[in-house]
Amino acid sequence: MSARPRVCVLGSGSWGTTFAAVTTDAGCPTTVWGRDPEIVRSIASDHANPRYLPGVELPEALTATTDAVGAVSGADVVVVALPSKVLRRTVAPLAAHVRPDAVLVSLSKGVEHGSDRRMSEVVAEAAGVGRDRVAVVSGPNLAREIAARQPTATVVAATTPEVAEQVAAACSTDYFRPYTNTDVVGVEIAGAMKNVIALAVGMAVGLGMGDNSRASIITRGLAETARLGAALGADPQTFAGLAGMGDLVATCTSPLSRNRTFGEELGRGSTVEEVVARTRQTAEGVVSCGSLLHLARSLGVDVPITEAVTAVVSGGLRPEDLARLLLSRARKPEVE
């Protein structure tokens, strides 16, 4: 791969557009692909994405297109920034156009419904490449703050240090600091689970609960994330790092977090359908909580917060009963 790789970002939402701005600022020729012609036109001509990043000025060098084949075929790095529910069917038709030496990068969080696959696994299968060619990026990366070029750190994980370093070099700027890691499983499980835990924290906020309640959910959420990760062979240290605790804290505490704010609306009495109708967006935790619960159960892992959130999302539990359900569980040692 050249020192200045050509980057294609599939997805013109807030995170996809923001990451494209980062790679552009890092000196990489970057193109964003999107389905919506108006968003693409705004990015390419006005250097803005008013729908997802209002008030943010994008780099003039960043380009955009609705031609997915053209964008992918010329890219050294193909970045996937798509919701989990559409990832496979969007990437699969492009598989024949991915360069043989290209590296793929997943920004997507979650577990695929029906297969329990992590997003890097879905990317590899859909693109027809080995998993050693797929990296993931995760961390305390709230898109709005990064788009404003506020300093943050992130984790780039791949099965080999060489691929992780290639991707890190493509997105390293004076405000975006990537660290590398080879624990792809741990980084992805942390990224998926933090959205579910943030929904629970948001419900607590919406119900008027205080900092003790929020801190308890975050801490016990980290514990069940680590349990699930351990069952899948993850490195325990990952969950104490940027992709684990760092991302969990940011997602659970920031009003910029889609999952946290979605949970708040549920806590105030709205249904999932009502929140989606108002915001025209579905939080990834809402989509993935059931799949994560299914995965945990298949491994015999206890994930009570995920179970409770899934019950609320499916309509089988009221948010106000969530705390009672969790606190009525049998007492046990904190450290297992």
C-alpha atoms as a PDB file:
ATOM      1  CA  MET A   1       0.000   0.000   0.000  1.00  0.00           C
ATOM      2  CA  SER A   2       1.269   3.478  -0.876  1.00  0.00           C
ATOM      3  CA  ALA A   3       2.115   6.099   1.744  1.00  0.00           C
ATOM      4  CA  ARG A   4      -0.995   8.039   0.713  1.00  0.00           C
ATOM      5  CA  PRO A   5      -3.619   5.357   0.077  1.00  0.00           C
ATOM      6  CA  ARG A   6      -6.826   6.121  -1.750  1.00  0.00           C
ATOM      7  CA  VAL A   7      -9.775   5.732   0.601  1.00  0.00           C
ATOM      8  CA  CYS A   8     -13.414   4.976  -0.127  1.00  0.00           C
ATOM      9  CA  VAL A   9     -15.983   5.314   2.663  1.00  0.00           C
ATOM     10  CA  LEU A  10     -19.259   3.456   2.160  1.00  0.00           C
ATOM     11  CA  GLY A  11     -21.847   5.433   4.097  1.00  0.00           C
ATOM     12  CA  SER A  12     -22.594   9.156   4.204  1.00  0.00           C
ATOM     13  CA  GLY A  13     -24.063   9.310   7.713  1.00  0.00           C
ATOM     14  CA  SER A  14     -22.456  11.184  10.580  1.00  0.00           C
ATOM     15  CA  TRP A  15     -19.679   8.701  11.373  1.00  0.00           C
ATOM     16  CA  GLY A  16     -18.904   7.779   7.774  1.00  0.00           C
ATOM     17  CA  THR A  17     -18.670  11.424   6.742  1.00  0.00           C
ATOM     18  CA  THR A  18     -16.594  12.276   9.803  1.00  0.00           C
ATOM     19  CA  PHE A  19     -14.134   9.437   9.248  1.00  0.00           C
ATOM     20  CA  ALA A  20     -13.810  10.477   5.610  1.00  0.00           C
ATOM     21  CA  ALA A  21     -12.914  13.967   6.800  1.00  0.00           C
ATOM     22  CA  VAL A  22     -10.290  12.445   9.101  1.00  0.00           C
ATOM     23  CA  THR A  23      -8.616  10.430   6.334  1.00  0.00           C
ATOM     24  CA  THR A  24      -8.708  13.497   4.081  1.00  0.00           C
ATOM     25  CA  ASP A  25      -7.024  15.542   6.795  1.00  0.00           C
ATOM     26  CA  ALA A  26      -4.483  12.724   7.109  1.00  0.00           C
ATOM     27  CA  GLY A  27      -3.516  13.347   3.481  1.00  0.00           C
ATOM     28  CA  CYS A  28      -5.376  10.467   1.859  1.00  0.00           C
ATOM     29  CA  PRO A  29      -7.468  11.118  -1.274  1.00  0.00           C
ATOM     30  CA  THR A  30     -10.914  10.156  -0.004  1.00  0.00           C
ATOM     31  CA  THR A  31     -14.323   9.608  -1.576  1.00  0.00           C
ATOM     32  CA  VAL A  32     -17.589   9.110   0.296  1.00  0.00           C
ATOM     33  CA  TRP A  33     -20.262   6.938  -1.260  1.00  0.00           C
ATOM     34  CA  GLY A  34     -23.902   7.582  -0.378  1.00  0.00           C
ATOM     35  CA  ARG A  35     -27.324   6.650  -1.732  1.00  0.00           C
ATOM     36  CA  ASP A  36     -28.897  10.068  -1.251  1.00  0.00           C
ATOM     37  CA  PRO A  37     -27.986  12.359  -4.169  1.00  0.00           C
ATOM     38  CA  GLU A  38     -28.658  15.500  -2.138  1.00  0.00           C
ATOM     39  CA  ILE A  39     -26.266  14.492   0.654  1.00  0.00           C
ATOM     40  CA  VAL A  40     -23.627  13.524  -1.904  1.00  0.00           C
ATOM     41  CA  ARG A  41     -24.049  16.846  -3.697  1.00  0.00           C
ATOM     42  CA  SER A  42     -23.714  18.760  -0.409  1.00  0.00           C
ATOM     43  CA  ILE A  43     -20.510  16.953   0.520  1.00  0.00           C
ATOM     44  CA  ALA A  44     -18.954  17.335  -2.929  1.00  0.00           C
ATOM     45  CA  SER A  45     -20.044  20.903  -3.711  1.00  0.00           C
ATOM     46  CA  ASP A  46     -20.777  22.641  -0.408  1.00  0.00           C
ATOM     47  CA  HIS A  47     -18.263  20.767   1.770  1.00  0.00           C
ATOM     48  CA  ALA A  48     -21.053  20.067   4.238  1.00  0.00           C
ATOM     49  CA  ASN A  49     -23.469  17.363   5.341  1.00  0.00           C
ATOM     50  CA  PRO A  50     -26.283  19.413   6.868  1.00  0.00           C
ATOM     51  CA  ARG A  51     -28.518  16.420   7.540  1.00  0.00           C
ATOM     52  CA  TYR A  52     -26.055  14.568   9.771  1.00  0.00           C
ATOM     53  CA  LEU A  53     -23.408  17.184  10.668  1.00  0.00           C
ATOM     54  CA  PRO A  54     -25.135  20.577  10.617  1.00  0.00           C
ATOM     55  CA  GLY A  55     -22.782  23.513  10.888  1.00  0.00           C
ATOM     56  CA  VAL A  56     -19.640  21.443  10.244  1.00  0.00           C
ATOM     57  CA  GLU A  57     -17.279  22.454   7.438  1.00  0.00           C
ATOM     58  CA  LEU A  58     -15.795  19.456   5.640  1.00  0.00           C
ATOM     59  CA  PRO A  59     -12.396  19.435   3.890  1.00  0.00           C
ATOM     60  CA  GLU A  60     -12.488  20.854   0.375  1.00  0.00           C
ATOM     61  CA  ALA A  61     -10.451  17.898  -0.894  1.00  0.00           C
ATOM     62  CA  LEU A  62     -13.114  15.387   0.198  1.00  0.00           C
ATOM     63  CA  THR A  63     -15.168  14.081  -2.722  1.00  0.00           C
ATOM     64  CA  ALA A  64     -18.456  12.185  -2.832  1.00  0.00           C
ATOM     65  CA  THR A  65     -20.353  10.013  -5.291  1.00  0.00           C
ATOM     66  CA  THR A  66     -23.434   7.845  -5.722  1.00  0.00           C
ATOM     67  CA  ASP A  67     -21.370   5.420  -7.860  1.00  0.00           C
ATOM     68  CA  ALA A  68     -20.398   2.668  -5.423  1.00  0.00           C
ATOM     69  CA  VAL A  69     -18.571   0.565  -8.006  1.00  0.00           C
ATOM     70  CA  GLY A  70     -16.448   3.472  -9.139  1.00  0.00           C
ATOM     71  CA  ALA A  71     -15.602   4.454  -5.582  1.00  0.00           C
ATOM     72  CA  VAL A  72     -14.630   0.944  -4.479  1.00  0.00           C
ATOM     73  CA  SER A  73     -12.697  -0.113  -7.575  1.00  0.00           C
ATOM     74  CA  GLY A  74     -10.091   2.602  -7.187  1.00  0.00           C
ATOM     75  CA  ALA A  75      -9.607   2.344  -3.427  1.00  0.00           C
ATOM     76  CA  ASP A  76      -6.660   0.961  -1.488  1.00  0.00           C
ATOM     77  CA  VAL A  77      -8.732   1.176   1.706  1.00  0.00           C
ATOM     78  CA  VAL A  78     -12.476   0.470   1.681  1.00  0.00           C
ATOM     79  CA  VAL A  79     -14.169   1.744   4.833  1.00  0.00           C
ATOM     80  CA  VAL A  80     -17.615   0.390   5.720  1.00  0.00           C
ATOM     81  CA  ALA A  81     -19.736   2.785   7.785  1.00  0.00           C
ATOM     82  CA  LEU A  82     -23.166   1.225   7.410  1.00  0.00           C
ATOM     83  CA  PRO A  83     -25.873   0.048   9.822  1.00  0.00           C
ATOM     84  CA  SER A  84     -25.543  -3.641  10.666  1.00  0.00           C
ATOM     85  CA  LYS A  85     -28.902  -4.503   9.139  1.00  0.00           C
ATOM     86  CA  VAL A  86     -27.901  -3.337   5.626  1.00  0.00           C
ATOM     87  CA  LEU A  87     -24.178  -4.034   5.663  1.00  0.00           C
ATOM     88  CA  ARG A  88     -24.134  -7.446   3.993  1.00  0.00           C
ATOM     89  CA  ARG A  89     -26.545  -6.632   1.192  1.00  0.00           C
ATOM     90  CA  THR A  90     -24.722  -3.383   0.430  1.00  0.00           C
ATOM     91  CA  VAL A  91     -21.188  -4.787   0.362  1.00  0.00           C
ATOM     92  CA  ALA A  92     -21.847  -8.122  -1.389  1.00  0.00           C
ATOM     93  CA  PRO A  93     -22.633  -6.656  -4.842  1.00  0.00           C
ATOM     94  CA  LEU A  94     -19.328  -4.748  -4.703  1.00  0.00           C
ATOM     95  CA  ALA A  95     -17.130  -7.763  -3.930  1.00  0.00           C
ATOM     96  CA  ALA A  96     -15.944  -8.231  -7.512  1.00  0.00           C
ATOM     97  CA  HIS A  97     -14.757  -4.622  -7.626  1.00  0.00           C
ATOM     98  CA  VAL A  98     -12.603  -4.628  -4.471  1.00  0.00           C
ATOM     99  CA  ARG A  99      -8.915  -4.519  -5.363  1.00  0.00           C
ATOM    100  CA  PRO A 100      -7.022  -7.755  -4.566  1.00  0.00           C
ATOM    101  CA  ASP A 101      -4.619  -5.885  -2.286  1.00  0.00           C
ATOM    102  CA  ALA A 102      -7.185  -3.567  -0.670  1.00  0.00           C
ATOM    103  CA  VAL A 103      -7.691  -3.428   3.082  1.00  0.00           C
ATOM    104  CA  LEU A 104     -11.265  -3.218   4.362  1.00  0.00           C
ATOM    105  CA  VAL A 105     -12.189  -1.323   7.519  1.00  0.00           C
ATOM    106  CA  SER A 106     -15.364  -1.736   9.541  1.00  0.00           C
ATOM    107  CA  LEU A 107     -16.700   1.249  11.461  1.00  0.00           C
ATOM    108  CA  SER A 108     -19.999  -0.541  12.009  1.00  0.00           C
ATOM    109  CA  LYS A 109     -21.061  -1.685  15.472  1.00  0.00           C
ATOM    110  CA  GLY A 110     -23.275  -4.597  16.370  1.00  0.00           C
ATOM    111  CA  VAL A 111     -23.967  -8.254  15.649  1.00  0.00           C
ATOM    112  CA  GLU A 112     -25.783  -9.373  12.529  1.00  0.00           C
ATOM    113  CA  HIS A 113     -29.342 -10.554  13.109  1.00  0.00           C
ATOM    114  CA  GLY A 114     -29.791 -14.218  12.273  1.00  0.00           C
ATOM    115  CA  SER A 115     -26.111 -15.132  12.076  1.00  0.00           C
ATOM    116  CA  ASP A 116     -24.622 -13.652  15.286  1.00  0.00           C
ATOM    117  CA  ARG A 117     -21.659 -12.552  13.153  1.00  0.00           C
ATOM    118  CA  ARG A 118     -19.514  -9.628  14.211  1.00  0.00           C
ATOM    119  CA  MET A 119     -19.318  -6.821  11.683  1.00  0.00           C
ATOM    120  CA  SER A 120     -15.765  -7.625  10.535  1.00  0.00           C
ATOM    121  CA  GLU A 121     -16.900 -11.190   9.850  1.00  0.00           C
ATOM    122  CA  VAL A 122     -19.842  -9.910   7.798  1.00  0.00           C
ATOM    123  CA  VAL A 123     -17.552  -7.555   5.844  1.00  0.00           C
ATOM    124  CA  ALA A 124     -15.100 -10.379   5.087  1.00  0.00           C
ATOM    125  CA  GLU A 125     -17.852 -12.752   3.976  1.00  0.00           C
ATOM    126  CA  ALA A 126     -19.734 -10.170   1.915  1.00  0.00           C
ATOM    127  CA  ALA A 127     -16.581  -8.891   0.197  1.00  0.00           C
ATOM    128  CA  GLY A 128     -15.170 -12.381  -0.304  1.00  0.00           C
ATOM    129  CA  VAL A 129     -11.856 -11.617   1.418  1.00  0.00           C
ATOM    130  CA  GLY A 130      -9.895 -13.197   4.249  1.00  0.00           C
ATOM    131  CA  ARG A 131     -10.477 -11.879   7.744  1.00  0.00           C
ATOM    132  CA  ASP A 132      -6.818 -10.912   7.889  1.00  0.00           C
ATOM    133  CA  ARG A 133      -7.619  -8.116   5.406  1.00  0.00           C
ATOM    134  CA  VAL A 134     -10.335  -6.554   7.577  1.00  0.00           C
ATOM    135  CA  ALA A 135      -9.607  -4.042  10.335  1.00  0.00           C
ATOM    136  CA  VAL A 136     -12.001  -2.398  12.783  1.00  0.00           C
ATOM    137  CA  VAL A 137     -11.978   1.082  14.312  1.00  0.00           C
ATOM    138  CA  SER A 138     -13.573   1.771  17.682  1.00  0.00           C
ATOM    139  CA  GLY A 139     -13.177   4.006  20.698  1.00  0.00           C
ATOM    140  CA  PRO A 140     -14.633   7.108  22.348  1.00  0.00           C
ATOM    141  CA  ASN A 141     -15.413   8.515  18.910  1.00  0.00           C
ATOM    142  CA  LEU A 142     -18.501  10.712  19.018  1.00  0.00           C
ATOM    143  CA  ALA A 143     -18.740  11.864  15.420  1.00  0.00           C
ATOM    144  CA  ARG A 144     -19.837  15.433  16.102  1.00  0.00           C
ATOM    145  CA  GLU A 145     -16.813  16.177  18.301  1.00  0.00           C
ATOM    146  CA  ILE A 146     -14.351  14.625  15.852  1.00  0.00           C
ATOM    147  CA  ALA A 147     -15.939  16.495  12.948  1.00  0.00           C
ATOM    148  CA  ALA A 148     -15.228  19.667  14.938  1.00  0.00           C
ATOM    149  CA  ARG A 149     -11.613  18.429  15.196  1.00  0.00           C
ATOM    150  CA  GLN A 150     -11.670  18.008  18.939  1.00  0.00           C
ATOM    151  CA  PRO A 151      -8.817  15.727  20.097  1.00  0.00           C
ATOM    152  CA  THR A 152      -9.594  12.062  20.678  1.00  0.00           C
ATOM    153  CA  ALA A 153      -7.954   8.653  20.571  1.00  0.00           C
ATOM    154  CA  THR A 154      -9.179   5.477  18.944  1.00  0.00           C
ATOM    155  CA  VAL A 155      -8.234   1.836  18.440  1.00  0.00           C
ATOM    156  CA  VAL A 156      -7.498   0.213  15.090  1.00  0.00           C
ATOM    157  CA  ALA A 157      -7.661  -3.558  15.461  1.00  0.00           C
ATOM    158  CA  ALA A 158      -6.667  -6.217  12.931  1.00  0.00           C
ATOM    159  CA  THR A 159      -5.472  -9.787  13.167  1.00  0.00           C
ATOM    160  CA  THR A 160      -1.973  -8.689  12.122  1.00  0.00           C
ATOM    161  CA  PRO A 161      -0.038  -5.649  13.372  1.00  0.00           C
ATOM    162  CA  GLU A 162       0.885  -4.772   9.789  1.00  0.00           C
ATOM    163  CA  VAL A 163      -2.722  -4.278   8.648  1.00  0.00           C
ATOM    164  CA  ALA A 164      -3.595  -2.385  11.826  1.00  0.00           C
ATOM    165  CA  GLU A 165      -0.650  -0.049  11.255  1.00  0.00           C
ATOM    166  CA  GLN A 166      -1.603   0.530   7.596  1.00  0.00           C
ATOM    167  CA  VAL A 167      -5.059   1.676   8.626  1.00  0.00           C
ATOM    168  CA  ALA A 168      -3.745   3.702  11.573  1.00  0.00           C
ATOM    169  CA  ALA A 169      -1.381   5.569   9.245  1.00  0.00           C
ATOM    170  CA  ALA A 170      -4.305   6.403   6.955  1.00  0.00           C
ATOM    171  CA  CYS A 171      -6.334   8.059   9.732  1.00  0.00           C
ATOM    172  CA  SER A 172      -3.676   9.655  11.953  1.00  0.00           C
ATOM    173  CA  THR A 173      -4.007  13.425  12.358  1.00  0.00           C
ATOM    174  CA  ASP A 174      -3.120  16.025  14.971  1.00  0.00           C
ATOM    175  CA  TYR A 175      -6.584  15.580  16.535  1.00  0.00           C
ATOM    176  CA  PHE A 176      -7.274  11.868  15.861  1.00  0.00           C
ATOM    177  CA  ARG A 177      -4.789   9.514  17.540  1.00  0.00           C
ATOM    178  CA  PRO A 178      -5.072   5.816  16.598  1.00  0.00           C
ATOM    179  CA  TYR A 179      -3.607   3.060  18.762  1.00  0.00           C
ATOM    180  CA  THR A 180      -3.242  -0.427  17.279  1.00  0.00           C
ATOM    181  CA  ASN A 181      -4.463  -3.747  18.648  1.00  0.00           C
ATOM    182  CA  THR A 182      -4.741  -7.336  17.416  1.00  0.00           C
ATOM    183  CA  ASP A 183      -7.772  -8.233  19.567  1.00  0.00           C
ATOM    184  CA  VAL A 184     -10.438  -7.815  16.905  1.00  0.00           C
ATOM    185  CA  VAL A 185     -12.967  -9.865  18.874  1.00  0.00           C
ATOM    186  CA  GLY A 186     -12.631  -7.807  22.051  1.00  0.00           C
ATOM    187  CA  VAL A 187     -12.760  -4.465  20.246  1.00  0.00           C
ATOM    188  CA  GLU A 188     -15.903  -5.453  18.331  1.00  0.00           C
ATOM    189  CA  ILE A 189     -17.749  -6.971  21.281  1.00  0.00           C
ATOM    190  CA  ALA A 190     -17.003  -3.842  23.319  1.00  0.00           C
ATOM    191  CA  GLY A 191     -18.270  -1.658  20.465  1.00  0.00           C
ATOM    192  CA  ALA A 192     -21.478  -3.631  20.124  1.00  0.00           C
ATOM    193  CA  MET A 193     -22.277  -4.014  23.803  1.00  0.00           C
ATOM    194  CA  LYS A 194     -21.669  -0.374  24.735  1.00  0.00           C
ATOM    195  CA  ASN A 195     -24.669   0.651  22.632  1.00  0.00           C
ATOM    196  CA  VAL A 196     -26.944  -1.679  24.586  1.00  0.00           C
ATOM    197  CA  ILE A 197     -25.593  -0.462  27.922  1.00  0.00           C
ATOM    198  CA  ALA A 198     -26.071   3.135  26.767  1.00  0.00           C
ATOM    199  CA  LEU A 199     -29.733   2.405  26.077  1.00  0.00           C
ATOM    200  CA  ALA A 200     -30.086   1.201  29.675  1.00  0.00           C
ATOM    201  CA  VAL A 201     -28.327   4.302  31.016  1.00  0.00           C
ATOM    202  CA  GLY A 202     -30.544   6.497  28.865  1.00  0.00           C
ATOM    203  CA  MET A 203     -33.653   4.820  30.264  1.00  0.00           C
ATOM    204  CA  ALA A 204     -32.381   5.510  33.773  1.00  0.00           C
ATOM    205  CA  VAL A 205     -31.881   9.174  32.874  1.00  0.00           C
ATOM    206  CA  GLY A 206     -35.325   9.389  31.310  1.00  0.00           C
ATOM    207  CA  LEU A 207     -36.825   7.941  34.474  1.00  0.00           C
ATOM    208  CA  GLY A 208     -35.097  10.591  36.582  1.00  0.00           C
ATOM    209  CA  MET A 209     -32.514   8.332  38.203  1.00  0.00           C
ATOM    210  CA  GLY A 210     -29.258   9.841  39.428  1.00  0.00           C
ATOM    211  CA  ASP A 211     -25.535   9.325  39.078  1.00  0.00           C
ATOM    212  CA  ASN A 212     -25.380   6.294  41.354  1.00  0.00           C
ATOM    213  CA  SER A 213     -27.826   4.427  39.130  1.00  0.00           C
ATOM    214  CA  ARG A 214     -25.987   5.412  35.966  1.00  0.00           C
ATOM    215  CA  ALA A 215     -22.584   4.453  37.373  1.00  0.00           C
ATOM    216  CA  SER A 216     -23.933   1.111  38.525  1.00  0.00           C
ATOM    217  CA  ILE A 217     -25.305   0.307  35.072  1.00  0.00           C
ATOM    218  CA  ILE A 218     -22.073   1.357  33.350  1.00  0.00           C
ATOM    219  CA  THR A 219     -19.903  -0.693  35.690  1.00  0.00           C
ATOM    220  CA  ARG A 220     -22.037  -3.821  35.599  1.00  0.00           C
ATOM    221  CA  GLY A 221     -22.429  -3.346  31.853  1.00  0.00           C
ATOM    222  CA  LEU A 222     -18.669  -3.463  31.503  1.00  0.00           C
ATOM    223  CA  ALA A 223     -18.650  -6.670  33.550  1.00  0.00           C
ATOM    224  CA  GLU A 224     -21.103  -8.438  31.259  1.00  0.00           C
ATOM    225  CA  THR A 225     -19.276  -7.137  28.200  1.00  0.00           C
ATOM    226  CA  ALA A 226     -16.060  -8.645  29.543  1.00  0.00           C
ATOM    227  CA  ARG A 227     -17.803 -11.952  30.289  1.00  0.00           C
ATOM    228  CA  LEU A 228     -19.103 -12.228  26.757  1.00  0.00           C
ATOM    229  CA  GLY A 229     -15.743 -11.214  25.330  1.00  0.00           C
ATOM    230  CA  ALA A 230     -13.913 -13.791  27.440  1.00  0.00           C
ATOM    231  CA  ALA A 231     -16.238 -16.532  26.208  1.00  0.00           C
ATOM    232  CA  LEU A 232     -15.285 -15.576  22.650  1.00  0.00           C
ATOM    233  CA  GLY A 233     -11.550 -15.544  23.399  1.00  0.00           C
ATOM    234  CA  ALA A 234     -11.003 -11.788  23.738  1.00  0.00           C
ATOM    235  CA  ASP A 235      -8.104 -10.249  25.643  1.00  0.00           C
ATOM    236  CA  PRO A 236      -9.415  -8.970  29.030  1.00  0.00           C
ATOM    237  CA  GLN A 237      -7.134  -5.903  28.801  1.00  0.00           C
ATOM    238  CA  THR A 238      -9.114  -4.655  25.825  1.00  0.00           C
ATOM    239  CA  PHE A 239     -12.120  -3.895  28.023  1.00  0.00           C
ATOM    240  CA  ALA A 240     -10.079  -1.576  30.249  1.00  0.00           C
ATOM    241  CA  GLY A 241      -8.879   0.401  27.238  1.00  0.00           C
ATOM    242  CA  LEU A 242     -10.195   2.909  24.709  1.00  0.00           C
ATOM    243  CA  ALA A 243     -12.448   0.477  22.856  1.00  0.00           C
ATOM    244  CA  GLY A 244     -13.826  -0.849  26.138  1.00  0.00           C
ATOM    245  CA  MET A 245     -14.154   1.537  29.056  1.00  0.00           C
ATOM    246  CA  GLY A 246     -13.349   4.607  26.955  1.00  0.00           C
ATOM    247  CA  ASP A 247     -16.087   4.065  24.415  1.00  0.00           C
ATOM    248  CA  LEU A 248     -18.539   2.868  27.069  1.00  0.00           C
ATOM    249  CA  VAL A 249     -18.156   6.043  29.141  1.00  0.00           C
ATOM    250  CA  ALA A 250     -18.486   8.327  26.118  1.00  0.00           C
ATOM    251  CA  THR A 251     -21.543   6.548  24.752  1.00  0.00           C
ATOM    252  CA  CYS A 252     -23.296   6.274  28.114  1.00  0.00           C
ATOM    253  CA  THR A 253     -22.690   9.837  29.312  1.00  0.00           C
ATOM    254  CA  SER A 254     -22.811  12.113  26.276  1.00  0.00           C
ATOM    255  CA  PRO A 255     -25.981  13.789  24.979  1.00  0.00           C
ATOM    256  CA  LEU A 256     -24.404  13.357  21.537  1.00  0.00           C
ATOM    257  CA  SER A 257     -24.801   9.583  21.855  1.00  0.00           C
ATOM    258  CA  ARG A 258     -27.686   8.332  19.731  1.00  0.00           C
ATOM    259  CA  ASN A 259     -28.149   5.243  21.904  1.00  0.00           C
ATOM    260  CA  ARG A 260     -28.119   7.196  25.168  1.00  0.00           C
ATOM    261  CA  THR A 261     -30.662   9.730  23.881  1.00  0.00           C
ATOM    262  CA  PHE A 262     -32.829   6.974  22.382  1.00  0.00           C
ATOM    263  CA  GLY A 263     -32.884   5.302  25.793  1.00  0.00           C
ATOM    264  CA  GLU A 264     -33.876   8.571  27.436  1.00  0.00           C
ATOM    265  CA  GLU A 265     -36.937   8.782  25.189  1.00  0.00           C
ATOM    266  CA  LEU A 266     -37.897   5.223  26.112  1.00  0.00           C
ATOM    267  CA  GLY A 267     -37.493   6.104  29.780  1.00  0.00           C
ATOM    268  CA  ARG A 268     -39.847   9.052  29.347  1.00  0.00           C
ATOM    269  CA  GLY A 269     -42.555   6.751  28.026  1.00  0.00           C
ATOM    270  CA  SER A 270     -42.114   6.717  24.259  1.00  0.00           C
ATOM    271  CA  THR A 271     -42.215   3.476  22.298  1.00  0.00           C
ATOM    272  CA  VAL A 272     -39.431   2.394  19.951  1.00  0.00           C
ATOM    273  CA  GLU A 273     -41.684   3.149  16.989  1.00  0.00           C
ATOM    274  CA  GLU A 274     -42.468   6.649  18.262  1.00  0.00           C
ATOM    275  CA  VAL A 275     -38.782   7.498  18.744  1.00  0.00           C
ATOM    276  CA  VAL A 276     -37.889   6.212  15.278  1.00  0.00           C
ATOM    277  CA  ALA A 277     -40.747   8.205  13.734  1.00  0.00           C
ATOM    278  CA  ARG A 278     -39.530  11.425  15.398  1.00  0.00           C
ATOM    279  CA  THR A 279     -35.832  11.006  14.715  1.00  0.00           C
ATOM    280  CA  ARG A 280     -35.963   9.006  11.463  1.00  0.00           C
ATOM    281  CA  GLN A 281     -33.079   6.974  12.911  1.00  0.00           C
ATOM    282  CA  THR A 282     -32.767   3.708  14.809  1.00  0.00           C
ATOM    283  CA  ALA A 283     -30.049   3.400  17.436  1.00  0.00           C
ATOM    284  CA  GLU A 284     -27.725   0.469  16.737  1.00  0.00           C
ATOM    285  CA  GLY A 285     -28.295  -0.932  20.227  1.00  0.00           C
ATOM    286  CA  VAL A 286     -31.990  -1.344  19.414  1.00  0.00           C
ATOM    287  CA  VAL A 287     -31.101  -3.382  16.327  1.00  0.00           C
ATOM    288  CA  SER A 288     -28.367  -5.497  17.930  1.00  0.00           C
ATOM    289  CA  CYS A 289     -29.542  -6.168  21.487  1.00  0.00           C
ATOM    290  CA  GLY A 290     -31.525  -9.269  20.517  1.00  0.00           C
ATOM    291  CA  SER A 291     -28.650 -10.703  18.489  1.00  0.00           C
ATOM    292  CA  LEU A 292     -26.198 -10.065  21.323  1.00  0.00           C
ATOM    293  CA  LEU A 293     -28.556 -11.769  23.766  1.00  0.00           C
ATOM    294  CA  HIS A 294     -28.876 -14.753  21.433  1.00  0.00           C
ATOM    295  CA  LEU A 295     -25.088 -14.955  21.102  1.00  0.00           C
ATOM    296  CA  ALA A 296     -24.595 -14.763  24.880  1.00  0.00           C
ATOM    297  CA  ARG A 297     -27.191 -17.441  25.545  1.00  0.00           C
ATOM    298  CA  SER A 298     -25.600 -19.745  22.972  1.00  0.00           C
ATOM    299  CA  LEU A 299     -22.357 -19.449  24.957  1.00  0.00           C
ATOM    300  CA  GLY A 300     -23.995 -19.752  28.369  1.00  0.00           C
ATOM    301  CA  VAL A 301     -23.010 -16.198  29.347  1.00  0.00           C
ATOM    302  CA  ASP A 302     -25.153 -14.227  31.805  1.00  0.00           C
ATOM    303  CA  VAL A 303     -25.958 -10.738  30.443  1.00  0.00           C
ATOM    304  CA  PRO A 304     -28.798  -9.368  32.586  1.00  0.00           C
ATOM    305  CA  ILE A 305     -28.660  -5.766  31.360  1.00  0.00           C
ATOM    306  CA  THR A 306     -28.715  -6.877  27.732  1.00  0.00           C
ATOM    307  CA  GLU A 307     -31.602  -9.215  28.538  1.00  0.00           C
ATOM    308  CA  ALA A 308     -33.588  -6.434  30.209  1.00  0.00           C
ATOM    309  CA  VAL A 309     -32.922  -3.944  27.390  1.00  0.00           C
ATOM    310  CA  THR A 310     -34.010  -6.511  24.812  1.00  0.00           C
ATOM    311  CA  ALA A 311     -37.225  -7.059  26.760  1.00  0.00           C
ATOM    312  CA  VAL A 312     -37.957  -3.321  26.784  1.00  0.00           C
ATOM    313  CA  VAL A 313     -37.200  -2.943  23.075  1.00  0.00           C
ATOM    314  CA  SER A 314     -39.482  -5.879  22.224  1.00  0.00           C
ATOM    315  CA  GLY A 315     -42.274  -4.478  24.378  1.00  0.00           C
ATOM    316  CA  GLY A 316     -42.172  -7.220  26.994  1.00  0.00           C
ATOM    317  CA  LEU A 317     -40.890  -5.000  29.820  1.00  0.00           C
ATOM    318  CA  ARG A 318     -41.582  -1.418  30.839  1.00  0.00           C
ATOM    319  CA  PRO A 319     -38.506   0.794  31.356  1.00  0.00           C
ATOM    320  CA  GLU A 320     -39.643   1.556  34.910  1.00  0.00           C
ATOM    321  CA  ASP A 321     -39.422  -2.165  35.707  1.00  0.00           C
ATOM    322  CA  LEU A 322     -35.847  -2.478  34.447  1.00  0.00           C
ATOM    323  CA  ALA A 323     -34.163  -1.391  37.686  1.00  0.00           C
ATOM    324  CA  ARG A 324     -36.417  -3.567  39.802  1.00  0.00           C
ATOM    325  CA  LEU A 325     -35.642  -6.581  37.640  1.00  0.00           C
ATOM    326  CA  LEU A 326     -31.881  -6.053  37.849  1.00  0.00           C
ATOM    327  CA  LEU A 327     -31.818  -5.330  41.588  1.00  0.00           C
ATOM    328  CA  SER A 328     -33.979  -8.337  42.455  1.00  0.00           C
ATOM    329  CA  ARG A 329     -31.422 -10.770  41.084  1.00  0.00           C
ATOM    330  CA  ALA A 330     -29.744 -13.172  43.523  1.00  0.00           C
ATOM    331  CA  ARG A 331     -26.816 -11.713  45.431  1.00  0.00           C
ATOM    332  CA  LYS A 332     -23.325 -12.895  44.428  1.00  0.00           C
ATOM    333  CA  PRO A 333     -19.671 -11.814  44.676  1.00  0.00           C
ATOM    334  CA  GLU A 334     -18.783  -8.826  42.500  1.00  0.00           C
ATOM    335  CA  VAL A 335     -15.618 -10.488  41.153  1.00  0.00           C
ATOM    336  CA  GLU A 336     -16.226 -13.891  39.652  1.00  0.00           C
END
